[in-house]
Amino acid sequence: MSYADVNGINLYYEIQGSGRPLILLHGGLGSGEMFGASLAAFTAGYQVILPDLQGHGRTADIDRPLDIATMADDVAALIDHLGLDKPDVVGFSLGGGVGLHLAIRHPEKIGKLVSASAGIRRGATYPEILEQQGQVTGAAAEFMKETPMYELYQRVAPRPEDFPRLLDKIGEAMQKDFDLTDEVRGLRVPTLVMGADADMVPPSHFVEIFNLLDGGLRDGGWTGEGRPKGGHALAIVPGTTHYDIIDSPLFATLALAFLAKRD
């Protein structure tokens, strides 16, 4: 359990296991503990680095907006700080978005990426979810006191009283429009696009992302000659939602199978 002063933030991280480096990036209002159900599978063959992103878990917030691109820069700086040689990255939800920005902004720093349950256009999210996101403010803190997210924050955060501030920042961030279509189309990092079959966005959105990566546009061929040239892949995890995909045994199985294949 350590802290790294990187990119203007005191970033908490843990390292578990040994082998090729693998960074796991958690979802919103979570921490590295979100990977508890699959951590043993990842640490069996990897040196796993678990950072807590800005304002989450054991990383205290600082005076800057919650911006996914900036958080990606934090992770890039952590890679340099630890001297990691092109680690693979697995991100879920918020962490999946951070992973995508990391691959877009710092492709030379990472090996492969698994981006799970992360859309690339705000408009792809179901309207009722956008409506719910619009209600996320610090005023909601009182109503979240019985939730696992609140319990985790109160247990590990350096300043537990900052929870309403975190909700304000997350709510503000979720109101910003975004569209990474052009950036994803030029992605050079081999990427597994993963989503639940009942996610915050329809499965067709994950197919759309795969299409942008030259996937799903033709028959793959007997020897895989028709697969995407960049080594990209797609996985829709059956029987899961945005809220439990990370706990499915298939989450680690699919991610590890993708990461293990080296061209």
Protein backbone atom coordinates (compact mmCIF):
# COMPACT_ATOMS: atom_id res chain seq x y z
CA MET A 1 0.00 0.00 0.00
CA SER A 2 1.69 3.18 -1.22
CA TYR A 3 1.16 6.71 -2.45
CA ALA A 4 2.73 8.35 -5.48
CA ASP A 5 2.97 12.13 -5.94
CA VAL A 6 2.17 12.27 -9.66
CA ASN A 7 0.56 14.86 -11.93
CA GLY A 8 -0.31 17.08 -8.98
CA ILE A 9 -2.13 14.40 -6.98
CA ASN A 10 -1.13 12.03 -4.17
CA LEU A 11 -2.33 8.82 -5.81
CA TYR A 12 -2.92 5.72 -3.68
CA TYR A 13 -2.09 2.32 -5.17
CA GLU A 14 -1.57 -1.28 -4.14
CA ILE A 15 0.58 -3.93 -5.80
CA GLN A 16 -0.31 -7.61 -5.54
CA GLY A 17 1.02 -10.71 -7.27
CA SER A 18 3.99 -11.06 -9.62
CA GLY A 19 4.61 -11.34 -13.33
CA ARG A 20 3.77 -9.03 -16.22
CA PRO A 21 2.35 -5.71 -14.91
CA LEU A 22 -1.41 -5.20 -15.11
CA ILE A 23 -3.27 -2.07 -13.99
CA LEU A 24 -6.89 -2.48 -12.83
CA LEU A 25 -9.01 0.70 -12.94
CA HIS A 26 -12.17 0.78 -10.82
CA GLY A 27 -15.58 2.29 -11.47
CA GLY A 28 -17.15 5.49 -10.18
CA LEU A 29 -17.69 5.81 -6.39
CA GLY A 30 -15.50 2.74 -5.94
CA SER A 31 -11.88 1.81 -5.39
CA GLY A 32 -9.52 -1.02 -6.21
CA GLU A 33 -11.61 -3.15 -3.84
CA MET A 34 -14.24 -3.41 -6.61
CA PHE A 35 -12.09 -6.14 -8.20
CA GLY A 36 -12.36 -8.41 -5.14
CA ALA A 37 -14.30 -11.13 -6.96
CA SER A 38 -11.71 -11.43 -9.74
CA LEU A 39 -8.49 -10.28 -8.09
CA ALA A 40 -7.19 -13.78 -7.37
CA ALA A 41 -7.58 -14.72 -11.03
CA PHE A 42 -5.59 -11.67 -12.13
CA THR A 43 -2.84 -11.99 -9.51
CA ALA A 44 -2.30 -15.66 -10.40
CA GLY A 45 -0.23 -14.60 -13.40
CA TYR A 46 0.26 -10.84 -13.17
CA GLN A 47 1.75 -8.17 -10.99
CA VAL A 48 -1.46 -6.24 -10.40
CA ILE A 49 -1.42 -2.51 -9.69
CA LEU A 50 -4.62 -1.13 -8.16
CA PRO A 51 -4.76 2.67 -8.08
CA ASP A 52 -7.58 4.63 -6.48
CA LEU A 53 -8.53 7.40 -8.92
CA GLN A 54 -8.90 11.06 -7.96
CA GLY A 55 -11.28 11.58 -5.06
CA HIS A 56 -12.00 7.84 -4.80
CA GLY A 57 -11.02 5.30 -2.17
CA ARG A 58 -7.84 6.28 -0.38
CA THR A 59 -6.88 9.03 -2.85
CA ALA A 60 -7.95 12.40 -1.51
CA ASP A 61 -9.60 14.85 -3.87
CA ILE A 62 -7.77 17.98 -5.00
CA ASP A 63 -8.89 21.33 -6.34
CA ARG A 64 -9.55 20.36 -9.95
CA PRO A 65 -12.60 18.98 -11.76
CA LEU A 66 -13.13 15.24 -12.11
CA ASP A 67 -12.04 14.81 -15.70
CA ILE A 68 -11.49 11.39 -17.27
CA ALA A 69 -8.69 12.62 -19.51
CA THR A 70 -6.85 14.11 -16.53
CA MET A 71 -7.29 10.87 -14.59
CA ALA A 72 -5.77 9.04 -17.57
CA ASP A 73 -2.79 11.39 -17.32
CA ASP A 74 -2.55 10.49 -13.60
CA VAL A 75 -2.30 6.80 -14.51
CA ALA A 76 0.28 7.54 -17.21
CA ALA A 77 2.35 9.40 -14.62
CA LEU A 78 1.99 6.45 -12.22
CA ILE A 79 3.32 4.13 -14.94
CA ASP A 80 6.40 6.34 -15.24
CA HIS A 81 6.73 6.64 -11.46
CA LEU A 82 6.77 2.86 -11.05
CA GLY A 83 8.96 2.29 -14.11
CA LEU A 84 6.46 -0.12 -15.64
CA ASP A 85 7.19 -1.52 -19.09
CA LYS A 86 4.01 -1.21 -21.16
CA PRO A 87 1.58 -2.69 -18.61
CA ASP A 88 -1.75 -4.04 -19.74
CA VAL A 89 -4.82 -2.19 -18.46
CA VAL A 90 -8.27 -3.46 -17.45
CA GLY A 91 -10.84 -0.78 -16.66
CA PHE A 92 -14.49 -0.98 -15.63
CA SER A 93 -17.10 1.78 -16.14
CA LEU A 94 -15.31 5.01 -15.12
CA GLY A 95 -12.09 3.00 -15.22
CA GLY A 96 -12.96 1.74 -18.69
CA GLY A 97 -13.28 5.33 -19.85
CA VAL A 98 -10.00 6.26 -18.16
CA GLY A 99 -8.40 3.28 -19.90
CA LEU A 100 -9.68 4.44 -23.29
CA HIS A 101 -8.31 7.94 -22.73
CA LEU A 102 -5.02 6.42 -21.59
CA ALA A 103 -4.82 4.43 -24.84
CA ILE A 104 -5.73 7.52 -26.87
CA ARG A 105 -3.41 9.97 -25.10
CA HIS A 106 -0.51 7.70 -24.14
CA PRO A 107 -0.54 4.67 -26.47
CA GLU A 108 3.20 4.17 -26.13
CA LYS A 109 2.89 3.52 -22.39
CA ILE A 110 0.56 0.48 -22.37
CA GLY A 111 0.37 -2.95 -23.95
CA LYS A 112 -3.26 -4.06 -24.23
CA LEU A 113 -6.52 -2.60 -22.97
CA VAL A 114 -9.74 -4.16 -21.73
CA SER A 115 -12.44 -1.47 -21.58
CA ALA A 116 -15.56 -2.81 -19.87
CA SER A 117 -18.96 -1.09 -19.65
CA ALA A 118 -17.68 2.22 -20.99
CA GLY A 119 -19.52 4.07 -23.74
CA ILE A 120 -17.84 6.48 -26.13
CA ARG A 121 -20.84 8.80 -26.70
CA ARG A 122 -22.98 10.29 -23.93
CA GLY A 123 -26.02 10.02 -26.20
CA ALA A 124 -25.66 6.24 -26.35
CA THR A 125 -26.72 5.97 -22.70
CA TYR A 126 -30.36 5.09 -22.07
CA PRO A 127 -32.47 8.24 -21.47
CA GLU A 128 -33.67 7.08 -18.06
CA ILE A 129 -30.05 6.65 -16.93
CA LEU A 130 -29.17 10.14 -18.14
CA GLU A 131 -32.10 11.43 -16.11
CA GLN A 132 -30.84 9.64 -13.01
CA GLN A 133 -27.32 10.97 -13.56
CA GLY A 134 -28.77 14.47 -13.67
CA GLN A 135 -29.92 13.99 -10.07
CA VAL A 136 -26.45 13.18 -8.73
CA THR A 137 -25.41 16.05 -6.45
CA GLY A 138 -24.04 16.45 -2.96
CA ALA A 139 -27.61 16.70 -1.72
CA ALA A 140 -28.02 12.99 -2.47
CA ALA A 141 -25.39 12.01 0.11
CA GLU A 142 -28.00 11.61 2.86
CA PHE A 143 -29.98 9.14 0.75
CA MET A 144 -26.88 7.05 -0.03
CA LYS A 145 -25.91 6.28 3.55
CA GLU A 146 -27.12 2.67 3.29
CA THR A 147 -25.25 1.99 0.05
CA PRO A 148 -21.97 0.05 -0.37
CA MET A 149 -20.42 3.10 -2.04
CA TYR A 150 -21.04 5.29 1.00
CA GLU A 151 -19.81 2.58 3.38
CA LEU A 152 -16.59 2.15 1.40
CA TYR A 153 -15.92 5.89 1.28
CA GLN A 154 -16.51 6.34 5.01
CA ARG A 155 -14.22 3.41 5.77
CA VAL A 156 -11.19 4.28 3.63
CA ALA A 157 -11.31 7.90 2.43
CA PRO A 158 -8.74 10.30 3.96
CA ARG A 159 -11.55 12.83 4.44
CA PRO A 160 -14.88 10.99 4.76
CA GLU A 161 -16.70 14.31 5.03
CA ASP A 162 -15.86 14.98 1.35
CA PHE A 163 -18.47 12.50 0.07
CA PRO A 164 -21.04 15.21 -0.89
CA ARG A 165 -18.28 17.08 -2.72
CA LEU A 166 -17.41 13.94 -4.66
CA LEU A 167 -21.06 13.51 -5.66
CA ASP A 168 -21.19 17.13 -6.83
CA LYS A 169 -18.09 16.61 -8.98
CA ILE A 170 -19.30 13.32 -10.43
CA GLY A 171 -22.71 14.81 -11.20
CA GLU A 172 -21.08 17.76 -12.95
CA ALA A 173 -18.80 15.48 -14.96
CA MET A 174 -21.69 13.29 -16.10
CA GLN A 175 -23.53 16.29 -17.53
CA LYS A 176 -20.77 17.03 -20.01
CA ASP A 177 -21.33 15.84 -23.54
CA PHE A 178 -18.62 13.71 -25.16
CA ASP A 179 -18.01 11.76 -28.33
CA LEU A 180 -14.80 9.77 -28.82
CA THR A 181 -15.74 8.37 -32.23
CA ASP A 182 -12.82 9.89 -34.12
CA GLU A 183 -10.30 9.09 -31.40
CA VAL A 184 -11.40 5.45 -31.12
CA ARG A 185 -11.29 5.01 -34.87
CA GLY A 186 -7.54 5.68 -34.76
CA LEU A 187 -6.81 3.61 -31.63
CA ARG A 188 -3.48 1.79 -31.90
CA VAL A 189 -3.59 -0.13 -28.62
CA PRO A 190 -5.11 -3.65 -29.00
CA THR A 191 -8.43 -3.34 -27.19
CA LEU A 192 -11.10 -5.73 -25.93
CA VAL A 193 -14.45 -3.93 -25.88
CA MET A 194 -16.53 -5.63 -23.18
CA GLY A 195 -20.07 -4.95 -22.06
CA ALA A 196 -22.95 -6.55 -20.18
CA ASP A 197 -25.89 -7.79 -22.21
CA ALA A 198 -28.05 -5.46 -20.07
CA ASP A 199 -25.70 -2.51 -19.62
CA MET A 200 -26.27 1.27 -19.36
CA VAL A 201 -26.00 1.38 -23.13
CA PRO A 202 -27.47 -1.15 -25.59
CA PRO A 203 -25.21 -4.00 -26.76
CA SER A 204 -25.31 -2.38 -30.20
CA HIS A 205 -23.17 0.46 -28.84
CA PHE A 206 -20.36 -1.93 -27.98
CA VAL A 207 -20.72 -3.37 -31.50
CA GLU A 208 -20.49 0.20 -32.81
CA ILE A 209 -17.19 0.67 -30.97
CA PHE A 210 -15.93 -2.64 -32.37
CA ASN A 211 -16.92 -1.50 -35.87
CA LEU A 212 -14.83 1.66 -35.40
CA LEU A 213 -11.89 -0.63 -34.61
CA ASP A 214 -12.39 -2.46 -37.95
CA GLY A 215 -14.21 -5.32 -36.25
CA GLY A 216 -17.44 -7.04 -37.25
CA LEU A 217 -17.31 -5.73 -40.80
CA ARG A 218 -16.52 -9.01 -42.61
CA ASP A 219 -16.15 -12.73 -42.09
CA GLY A 220 -13.12 -13.51 -39.96
CA GLY A 221 -11.85 -16.27 -42.25
CA TRP A 222 -10.54 -19.75 -41.53
CA THR A 223 -7.24 -18.45 -40.18
CA GLY A 224 -8.54 -15.18 -38.74
CA GLU A 225 -7.30 -13.16 -41.68
CA GLY A 226 -10.49 -11.11 -41.66
CA ARG A 227 -10.27 -10.11 -38.03
CA PRO A 228 -9.44 -6.49 -37.09
CA LYS A 229 -5.88 -5.69 -38.05
CA GLY A 230 -5.15 -4.04 -34.71
CA GLY A 231 -5.82 -7.14 -32.62
CA HIS A 232 -9.08 -5.77 -31.22
CA ALA A 233 -11.90 -7.96 -29.92
CA LEU A 234 -15.48 -7.78 -28.61
CA ALA A 235 -17.20 -9.56 -25.73
CA ILE A 236 -20.81 -9.25 -24.57
CA VAL A 237 -21.11 -10.93 -21.18
CA PRO A 238 -24.40 -12.84 -20.85
CA GLY A 239 -26.67 -12.58 -17.84
CA THR A 240 -24.99 -9.44 -16.47
CA THR A 241 -25.72 -5.75 -15.96
CA HIS A 242 -23.59 -2.65 -15.56
CA TYR A 243 -23.71 -3.23 -11.82
CA ASP A 244 -22.56 -6.85 -11.60
CA ILE A 245 -20.48 -7.57 -14.71
CA ILE A 246 -17.31 -7.04 -12.69
CA ASP A 247 -18.38 -9.82 -10.29
CA SER A 248 -19.06 -12.37 -13.03
CA PRO A 249 -16.45 -15.17 -13.36
CA LEU A 250 -16.54 -14.42 -17.08
CA PHE A 251 -15.13 -10.94 -16.48
CA ALA A 252 -11.66 -12.18 -15.55
CA THR A 253 -11.84 -15.21 -17.85
CA LEU A 254 -12.50 -13.11 -20.95
CA ALA A 255 -10.05 -10.38 -20.00
CA LEU A 256 -7.25 -12.84 -19.27
CA ALA A 257 -7.86 -14.80 -22.48
CA PHE A 258 -7.53 -11.58 -24.48
CA LEU A 259 -4.45 -10.40 -22.63
CA ALA A 260 -2.73 -13.79 -22.97
CA LYS A 261 -2.83 -13.75 -26.76
CA ARG A 262 0.31 -12.06 -28.00
CA ASP A 263 0.70 -11.35 -31.70
